[in-house]
Amino acid sequence: MRHVFVETNWVVDFAAPSPFRPPDALALLEKARNGELQLHLPSVCLTEARSPLSRLYARATGDAVRQFLKWASKENVIAPSDEHAVREALDQFQGRISSERDSMADRLAALRQEPNLEIFALNDAMLERAVDLSMQELNLGPFDSSILAAILVRSGELVQQGESDLAFCELDKDLQPWDKEGKPKERLTDLYDSVRVWVYGDFALQYPAKPAEWPRK
């Protein structure tokens, strides 16, 4: 079976207000539900996702549009019927956002009940590896070092169990093994290669494409 690691950015996309949930993030979970793959998520990501989610919900308001409608009505650049329709849509939007904000904790908690989604805590080996990574020249913050350590240690365990189809969906540039010009970051590349993990920059498991000859011998 294919094993796919995800982290905080996937949790945020999963639990974002429904109009802003990327289809690829939801499709990845659906593949797990259908038994097409096994997802793996460090448990600390559930906690870390709460702050960006709170900011995302706070920004999802119609205040700017309402300010525009007020100006447009005064300046007679919008028909009264159009203004009414937009205000009705805004009311529905904000009602939906408010309801989903109230149920955000339940949505996050429901992830623990999803089939083929392993939410694992950082163990001693992962914490020790995080300390080791923090002393290497990887330019990672403490949290990224912990996530990388979790991925590397858990992947190593899976490899020892005979698994070979491992991937990591990573949208965070700091943990991607390539720079903004697409050139490999050799240190990160070697770390991922050592545990046979191919890193994708999307949730569709498409980019960058995995070469037929990978992993390198």
Protein backbone atom coordinates (compact mmCIF):
# COMPACT_ATOMS: atom_id res chain seq x y z
CA MET A 1 0.00 0.00 0.00
CA ARG A 2 1.11 3.55 -0.61
CA HIS A 3 1.92 5.51 2.55
CA VAL A 4 1.51 9.30 2.40
CA PHE A 5 2.66 11.72 5.10
CA VAL A 6 0.94 15.07 5.59
CA GLU A 7 1.40 17.84 8.11
CA THR A 8 -0.12 21.12 9.31
CA ASN A 9 -0.82 22.65 5.91
CA TRP A 10 -3.03 19.68 5.01
CA VAL A 11 -4.93 19.95 8.31
CA VAL A 12 -5.56 23.66 7.66
CA ASP A 13 -6.86 22.95 4.16
CA PHE A 14 -9.08 20.16 5.49
CA ALA A 15 -10.62 22.27 8.26
CA ALA A 16 -10.76 25.64 6.44
CA PRO A 17 -14.12 27.32 5.72
CA SER A 18 -15.83 25.16 3.10
CA PRO A 19 -15.50 27.73 0.25
CA PHE A 20 -11.73 27.67 0.74
CA ARG A 21 -11.04 23.94 1.01
CA PRO A 22 -8.77 22.84 -1.86
CA PRO A 23 -10.28 19.84 -3.67
CA ASP A 24 -6.93 18.03 -3.79
CA ALA A 25 -6.63 18.06 0.01
CA LEU A 26 -10.11 16.58 0.39
CA ALA A 27 -9.48 14.07 -2.40
CA LEU A 28 -6.41 12.78 -0.56
CA LEU A 29 -8.54 11.94 2.48
CA GLU A 30 -11.16 10.34 0.25
CA LYS A 31 -8.48 8.05 -1.20
CA ALA A 32 -7.60 6.98 2.32
CA ARG A 33 -11.26 6.32 3.11
CA ASN A 34 -11.46 4.15 -0.01
CA GLY A 35 -8.41 2.16 1.04
CA GLU A 36 -6.24 3.43 -1.82
CA LEU A 37 -3.54 4.68 0.54
CA GLN A 38 -2.59 5.13 4.19
CA LEU A 39 -2.22 8.67 5.53
CA HIS A 40 0.17 9.53 8.36
CA LEU A 41 -0.07 12.76 10.40
CA PRO A 42 2.07 13.86 13.38
CA SER A 43 -0.37 14.66 16.18
CA VAL A 44 1.31 17.99 16.99
CA CYS A 45 0.00 19.29 13.65
CA LEU A 46 -3.56 19.25 14.99
CA THR A 47 -2.56 21.73 17.68
CA GLU A 48 -0.39 23.84 15.39
CA ALA A 49 -3.22 24.16 12.84
CA ARG A 50 -5.50 26.01 15.24
CA SER A 51 -3.69 29.36 14.97
CA PRO A 52 -3.69 29.65 11.15
CA LEU A 53 -7.26 28.34 11.07
CA SER A 54 -8.38 31.04 13.52
CA ARG A 55 -6.78 33.71 11.33
CA LEU A 56 -8.36 32.22 8.21
CA TYR A 57 -11.85 32.26 9.72
CA ALA A 58 -11.34 35.80 11.00
CA ARG A 59 -10.50 36.98 7.46
CA ALA A 60 -13.50 35.23 5.95
CA THR A 61 -15.92 38.12 6.40
CA GLY A 62 -17.95 40.25 4.06
CA ASP A 63 -17.03 43.58 5.66
CA ALA A 64 -15.01 44.81 2.69
CA VAL A 65 -17.79 43.93 0.25
CA ARG A 66 -20.39 45.63 2.45
CA GLN A 67 -18.23 48.75 2.53
CA PHE A 68 -18.10 48.66 -1.26
CA LEU A 69 -21.89 48.26 -1.47
CA LYS A 70 -22.37 51.24 0.79
CA TRP A 71 -20.15 53.37 -1.44
CA ALA A 72 -21.61 51.98 -4.68
CA SER A 73 -25.15 52.68 -3.56
CA LYS A 74 -24.29 56.25 -2.62
CA GLU A 75 -22.55 56.81 -5.94
CA ASN A 76 -25.35 55.10 -7.92
CA VAL A 77 -22.98 52.64 -9.59
CA ILE A 78 -24.98 49.55 -8.61
CA ALA A 79 -28.65 48.78 -9.10
CA PRO A 80 -30.74 48.34 -5.93
CA SER A 81 -31.74 44.83 -7.03
CA ASP A 82 -28.08 43.84 -7.46
CA GLU A 83 -27.18 45.30 -4.08
CA HIS A 84 -29.97 43.30 -2.44
CA ALA A 85 -28.84 40.04 -4.09
CA VAL A 86 -25.24 40.57 -3.01
CA ARG A 87 -26.26 41.35 0.56
CA GLU A 88 -28.36 38.18 0.70
CA ALA A 89 -25.43 36.11 -0.56
CA LEU A 90 -23.13 37.75 2.01
CA ASP A 91 -25.55 36.95 4.83
CA GLN A 92 -25.62 33.29 3.76
CA PHE A 93 -21.84 33.22 3.47
CA GLN A 94 -21.24 34.68 6.91
CA GLY A 95 -23.86 32.43 8.47
CA ARG A 96 -22.06 29.42 7.01
CA ILE A 97 -18.65 30.67 8.16
CA SER A 98 -19.94 31.32 11.68
CA SER A 99 -21.43 27.84 11.91
CA GLU A 100 -18.26 26.19 10.67
CA ARG A 101 -16.09 28.24 13.03
CA ASP A 102 -18.15 26.93 15.94
CA SER A 103 -17.71 23.33 14.75
CA MET A 104 -14.01 23.62 13.83
CA ALA A 105 -12.84 21.75 16.95
CA ASP A 106 -15.26 18.91 16.20
CA ARG A 107 -14.01 18.71 12.61
CA LEU A 108 -10.42 18.43 13.81
CA ALA A 109 -11.36 15.84 16.43
CA ALA A 110 -13.19 13.79 13.79
CA LEU A 111 -9.88 13.20 12.01
CA ARG A 112 -8.98 10.74 14.76
CA GLN A 113 -11.84 8.51 13.65
CA GLU A 114 -10.95 8.48 9.97
CA PRO A 115 -10.04 5.08 8.51
CA ASN A 116 -6.52 4.70 7.12
CA LEU A 117 -5.35 7.89 8.81
CA GLU A 118 -2.67 7.30 11.43
CA ILE A 119 -2.25 10.23 13.81
CA PHE A 120 0.94 9.50 15.72
CA ALA A 121 2.62 11.22 18.65
CA LEU A 122 6.30 12.12 18.66
CA ASN A 123 8.24 9.39 20.47
CA ASP A 124 11.68 9.54 22.11
CA ALA A 125 13.44 8.56 18.89
CA MET A 126 11.73 11.41 17.01
CA LEU A 127 12.55 13.94 19.70
CA GLU A 128 16.20 12.85 19.71
CA ARG A 129 16.30 13.05 15.91
CA ALA A 130 14.81 16.56 16.07
CA VAL A 131 17.65 17.67 18.33
CA ASP A 132 20.15 16.15 15.91
CA LEU A 133 18.53 17.89 12.93
CA SER A 134 18.53 21.24 14.72
CA MET A 135 22.34 21.07 14.89
CA GLN A 136 22.70 20.44 11.17
CA GLU A 137 22.86 23.23 8.59
CA LEU A 138 19.28 22.84 7.40
CA ASN A 139 18.01 26.32 8.33
CA LEU A 140 14.90 24.89 9.99
CA GLY A 141 12.96 26.24 12.94
CA PRO A 142 12.23 24.03 15.98
CA PHE A 143 8.78 22.97 14.77
CA ASP A 144 9.96 22.11 11.26
CA SER A 145 12.83 20.11 12.73
CA SER A 146 10.32 18.15 14.82
CA ILE A 147 8.06 17.46 11.83
CA LEU A 148 11.00 16.37 9.69
CA ALA A 149 12.23 14.11 12.47
CA ALA A 150 8.77 12.56 12.81
CA ILE A 151 8.57 11.88 9.07
CA LEU A 152 12.07 10.40 8.90
CA VAL A 153 11.74 8.12 11.93
CA ARG A 154 8.24 6.86 11.09
CA SER A 155 9.25 6.30 7.46
CA GLY A 156 12.28 4.36 8.60
CA GLU A 157 10.01 2.14 10.68
CA LEU A 158 7.80 1.48 7.68
CA VAL A 159 10.79 0.62 5.50
CA GLN A 160 11.93 -1.89 8.12
CA GLN A 161 8.46 -3.43 7.92
CA GLY A 162 8.93 -3.95 4.18
CA GLU A 163 7.07 -0.91 2.87
CA SER A 164 8.58 0.89 -0.11
CA ASP A 165 5.95 3.26 -1.57
CA LEU A 166 6.30 6.28 0.71
CA ALA A 167 5.51 9.92 -0.02
CA PHE A 168 5.32 13.24 1.78
CA CYS A 169 2.97 16.01 0.63
CA GLU A 170 4.72 19.23 1.63
CA LEU A 171 3.63 22.74 0.67
CA ASP A 172 6.01 24.42 3.13
CA LYS A 173 9.08 25.58 1.20
CA ASP A 174 11.34 25.07 4.22
CA LEU A 175 10.79 21.31 4.21
CA GLN A 176 10.70 20.87 0.44
CA PRO A 177 13.97 19.37 -0.87
CA TRP A 178 14.26 21.97 -3.62
CA ASP A 179 14.72 25.74 -3.63
CA LYS A 180 12.61 28.42 -5.30
CA GLU A 181 14.43 27.81 -8.57
CA GLY A 182 13.73 24.09 -8.42
CA LYS A 183 17.31 23.12 -7.61
CA PRO A 184 17.78 20.26 -5.13
CA LYS A 185 18.66 20.99 -1.52
CA GLU A 186 21.19 18.21 -1.22
CA ARG A 187 21.04 17.77 2.56
CA LEU A 188 17.26 17.46 2.63
CA THR A 189 17.22 15.31 -0.49
CA ASP A 190 19.66 12.87 1.09
CA LEU A 191 17.59 12.68 4.27
CA TYR A 192 14.38 11.86 2.41
CA ASP A 193 16.16 9.43 0.09
CA SER A 194 17.61 7.59 3.08
CA VAL A 195 14.11 6.51 4.12
CA ARG A 196 12.74 6.16 0.57
CA VAL A 197 10.34 9.10 0.85
CA TRP A 198 9.43 11.00 -2.32
CA VAL A 199 8.32 14.57 -1.61
CA TYR A 200 5.47 16.15 -3.56
CA GLY A 201 4.72 19.85 -3.60
CA ASP A 202 0.98 19.27 -3.92
CA PHE A 203 -1.79 17.06 -2.52
CA ALA A 204 -2.54 15.52 -5.91
CA LEU A 205 0.67 13.45 -5.74
CA GLN A 206 1.73 14.75 -9.13
CA TYR A 207 4.47 17.37 -8.78
CA PRO A 208 7.31 16.81 -9.02
CA ALA A 209 6.85 13.50 -10.82
CA LYS A 210 8.77 10.60 -9.30
CA PRO A 211 11.40 9.23 -11.72
CA ALA A 212 11.07 5.61 -12.74
CA GLU A 213 14.59 4.88 -11.50
CA TRP A 214 14.02 6.34 -8.03
CA PRO A 215 15.21 5.69 -5.35
CA ARG A 216 18.79 6.06 -6.32
CA LYS A 217 20.94 3.04 -5.52
